[in-house]
Amino acid sequence: MRTILLLLISNVFMTIAWYGHLKHKGIPIWKAILLAWGIAFFEYCLMVPANRMGYASGFSGFQLKMTQEVITLVVFAVFAVLYLKEPFRWNYLVSFGLLLGAVYFMFKK
């Protein structure tokens, strides 16, 4: 559970680092890059331990990556709707459902 929680928090940081600048078009790109690097530092401080703990507790590398991707998409969906004010369309929901199916098969023995 700690692995999932750390992955979730790290993805919040990374989503802000990668996409938070999109609403601020007046900021020079070099400033956006430096700010993103600063935010991403905290993401790495959470992501690396999450992957280490997950791997040590029995997750495979494939399982860690697939779990991280699904968390990333969920975090991004919330961010896109609430911060970027983008609509959430039905086909996004179907796509997420298919990804959850992929996670199911990834963990199936």
C-alpha atoms as a PDB file:
ATOM      1  CA  MET A   1       0.000   0.000   0.000  1.00  0.00           C
ATOM      2  CA  ARG A   2       2.920   2.371   0.699  1.00  0.00           C
ATOM      3  CA  THR A   3       4.136   1.805  -2.835  1.00  0.00           C
ATOM      4  CA  ILE A   4       0.776   2.834  -4.308  1.00  0.00           C
ATOM      5  CA  LEU A   5       0.536   5.900  -2.045  1.00  0.00           C
ATOM      6  CA  LEU A   6       4.050   7.062  -2.938  1.00  0.00           C
ATOM      7  CA  LEU A   7       3.360   6.490  -6.636  1.00  0.00           C
ATOM      8  CA  LEU A   8       0.174   8.525  -6.350  1.00  0.00           C
ATOM      9  CA  ILE A   9       1.853  11.477  -4.622  1.00  0.00           C
ATOM     10  CA  SER A  10       4.847  11.386  -6.964  1.00  0.00           C
ATOM     11  CA  ASN A  11       2.516  11.486  -9.964  1.00  0.00           C
ATOM     12  CA  VAL A  12       0.786  14.572  -8.604  1.00  0.00           C
ATOM     13  CA  PHE A  13       4.170  16.314  -8.554  1.00  0.00           C
ATOM     14  CA  MET A  14       5.071  15.080 -12.032  1.00  0.00           C
ATOM     15  CA  THR A  15       1.756  16.111 -13.552  1.00  0.00           C
ATOM     16  CA  ILE A  16       2.198  19.607 -12.163  1.00  0.00           C
ATOM     17  CA  ALA A  17       5.801  19.695 -13.424  1.00  0.00           C
ATOM     18  CA  TRP A  18       4.898  18.567 -16.946  1.00  0.00           C
ATOM     19  CA  TYR A  19       1.564  20.288 -17.478  1.00  0.00           C
ATOM     20  CA  GLY A  20       1.156  23.028 -14.878  1.00  0.00           C
ATOM     21  CA  HIS A  21       2.786  25.632 -17.100  1.00  0.00           C
ATOM     22  CA  LEU A  22       0.288  25.187 -19.950  1.00  0.00           C
ATOM     23  CA  LYS A  23      -2.068  27.841 -18.598  1.00  0.00           C
ATOM     24  CA  HIS A  24       0.801  30.324 -18.197  1.00  0.00           C
ATOM     25  CA  LYS A  25       1.787  31.045 -21.787  1.00  0.00           C
ATOM     26  CA  GLY A  26       3.537  34.300 -20.867  1.00  0.00           C
ATOM     27  CA  ILE A  27       6.309  32.552 -18.944  1.00  0.00           C
ATOM     28  CA  PRO A  28       9.461  32.065 -21.019  1.00  0.00           C
ATOM     29  CA  ILE A  29      10.126  28.412 -21.825  1.00  0.00           C
ATOM     30  CA  TRP A  30      13.443  28.392 -19.975  1.00  0.00           C
ATOM     31  CA  LYS A  31      11.685  29.449 -16.767  1.00  0.00           C
ATOM     32  CA  ALA A  32       9.024  26.791 -17.270  1.00  0.00           C
ATOM     33  CA  ILE A  33      11.757  24.180 -17.734  1.00  0.00           C
ATOM     34  CA  LEU A  34      13.639  25.224 -14.590  1.00  0.00           C
ATOM     35  CA  LEU A  35      10.442  25.290 -12.548  1.00  0.00           C
ATOM     36  CA  ALA A  36       9.464  21.857 -13.893  1.00  0.00           C
ATOM     37  CA  TRP A  37      12.889  20.458 -12.979  1.00  0.00           C
ATOM     38  CA  GLY A  38      12.525  21.823  -9.460  1.00  0.00           C
ATOM     39  CA  ILE A  39       9.106  20.218  -9.043  1.00  0.00           C
ATOM     40  CA  ALA A  40      10.261  16.961 -10.650  1.00  0.00           C
ATOM     41  CA  PHE A  41      13.005  16.645  -8.029  1.00  0.00           C
ATOM     42  CA  PHE A  42      10.326  15.974  -5.415  1.00  0.00           C
ATOM     43  CA  GLU A  43       8.648  13.497  -7.748  1.00  0.00           C
ATOM     44  CA  TYR A  44      11.884  11.520  -7.976  1.00  0.00           C
ATOM     45  CA  CYS A  45      12.296  11.634  -4.184  1.00  0.00           C
ATOM     46  CA  LEU A  46       9.012   9.716  -3.980  1.00  0.00           C
ATOM     47  CA  MET A  47       9.092   7.605  -7.153  1.00  0.00           C
ATOM     48  CA  VAL A  48      12.468   5.958  -6.527  1.00  0.00           C
ATOM     49  CA  PRO A  49      11.583   4.736  -3.010  1.00  0.00           C
ATOM     50  CA  ALA A  50       8.134   3.648  -4.219  1.00  0.00           C
ATOM     51  CA  ASN A  51       9.660   1.468  -6.922  1.00  0.00           C
ATOM     52  CA  ARG A  52      12.310   0.107  -4.578  1.00  0.00           C
ATOM     53  CA  MET A  53       9.802  -0.806  -1.885  1.00  0.00           C
ATOM     54  CA  GLY A  54       7.395  -2.263  -4.432  1.00  0.00           C
ATOM     55  CA  TYR A  55      10.076  -4.387  -6.046  1.00  0.00           C
ATOM     56  CA  ALA A  56      11.335  -5.605  -2.653  1.00  0.00           C
ATOM     57  CA  SER A  57       7.794  -6.538  -1.610  1.00  0.00           C
ATOM     58  CA  GLY A  58       7.148  -8.698  -4.669  1.00  0.00           C
ATOM     59  CA  PHE A  59       6.018  -6.431  -7.524  1.00  0.00           C
ATOM     60  CA  SER A  60       7.766  -7.188 -10.801  1.00  0.00           C
ATOM     61  CA  GLY A  61       9.211  -4.340 -12.837  1.00  0.00           C
ATOM     62  CA  PHE A  62       6.398  -4.804 -15.355  1.00  0.00           C
ATOM     63  CA  GLN A  63       3.771  -4.608 -12.618  1.00  0.00           C
ATOM     64  CA  LEU A  64       5.319  -1.464 -11.144  1.00  0.00           C
ATOM     65  CA  LYS A  65       5.366   0.251 -14.522  1.00  0.00           C
ATOM     66  CA  MET A  66       1.802  -0.667 -15.434  1.00  0.00           C
ATOM     67  CA  THR A  67       0.558   0.443 -12.012  1.00  0.00           C
ATOM     68  CA  GLN A  68       2.439   3.715 -12.352  1.00  0.00           C
ATOM     69  CA  GLU A  69       0.947   4.362 -15.796  1.00  0.00           C
ATOM     70  CA  VAL A  70      -2.617   3.862 -14.592  1.00  0.00           C
ATOM     71  CA  ILE A  71      -2.004   6.139 -11.601  1.00  0.00           C
ATOM     72  CA  THR A  72      -0.504   8.729 -13.956  1.00  0.00           C
ATOM     73  CA  LEU A  73      -3.576   8.689 -16.182  1.00  0.00           C
ATOM     74  CA  VAL A  74      -5.994   8.985 -13.273  1.00  0.00           C
ATOM     75  CA  VAL A  75      -4.029  11.867 -11.753  1.00  0.00           C
ATOM     76  CA  PHE A  76      -3.801  13.562 -15.145  1.00  0.00           C
ATOM     77  CA  ALA A  77      -7.531  13.161 -15.793  1.00  0.00           C
ATOM     78  CA  VAL A  78      -8.359  14.920 -12.532  1.00  0.00           C
ATOM     79  CA  PHE A  79      -5.771  17.616 -13.278  1.00  0.00           C
ATOM     80  CA  ALA A  80      -7.023  18.179 -16.837  1.00  0.00           C
ATOM     81  CA  VAL A  81     -10.633  18.556 -15.728  1.00  0.00           C
ATOM     82  CA  LEU A  82     -10.051  20.656 -12.603  1.00  0.00           C
ATOM     83  CA  TYR A  83      -7.014  22.758 -13.554  1.00  0.00           C
ATOM     84  CA  LEU A  84      -6.943  22.890 -17.350  1.00  0.00           C
ATOM     85  CA  LYS A  85     -10.766  22.962 -17.504  1.00  0.00           C
ATOM     86  CA  GLU A  86     -10.840  20.372 -20.292  1.00  0.00           C
ATOM     87  CA  PRO A  87     -13.935  18.242 -20.797  1.00  0.00           C
ATOM     88  CA  PHE A  88     -13.847  14.579 -19.852  1.00  0.00           C
ATOM     89  CA  ARG A  89     -15.279  12.634 -22.789  1.00  0.00           C
ATOM     90  CA  TRP A  90     -16.787   9.168 -22.868  1.00  0.00           C
ATOM     91  CA  ASN A  91     -13.964   7.749 -25.001  1.00  0.00           C
ATOM     92  CA  TYR A  92     -11.443   8.675 -22.284  1.00  0.00           C
ATOM     93  CA  LEU A  93     -13.455   6.591 -19.831  1.00  0.00           C
ATOM     94  CA  VAL A  94     -13.484   3.639 -22.239  1.00  0.00           C
ATOM     95  CA  SER A  95      -9.718   4.006 -22.734  1.00  0.00           C
ATOM     96  CA  PHE A  96      -9.137   3.997 -18.978  1.00  0.00           C
ATOM     97  CA  GLY A  97     -11.296   0.899 -18.655  1.00  0.00           C
ATOM     98  CA  LEU A  98      -9.147  -0.883 -21.223  1.00  0.00           C
ATOM     99  CA  LEU A  99      -6.015   0.113 -19.323  1.00  0.00           C
ATOM    100  CA  LEU A 100      -7.487  -1.264 -16.116  1.00  0.00           C
ATOM    101  CA  GLY A 101      -8.080  -4.489 -18.016  1.00  0.00           C
ATOM    102  CA  ALA A 102      -4.391  -4.460 -18.934  1.00  0.00           C
ATOM    103  CA  VAL A 103      -3.485  -4.086 -15.255  1.00  0.00           C
ATOM    104  CA  TYR A 104      -5.751  -6.983 -14.366  1.00  0.00           C
ATOM    105  CA  PHE A 105      -3.973  -9.257 -16.839  1.00  0.00           C
ATOM    106  CA  MET A 106      -0.560  -7.950 -15.749  1.00  0.00           C
ATOM    107  CA  PHE A 107      -1.187  -9.165 -12.202  1.00  0.00           C
ATOM    108  CA  LYS A 108      -2.915 -12.426 -13.168  1.00  0.00           C
ATOM    109  CA  LYS A 109      -0.803 -15.477 -12.369  1.00  0.00           C
END
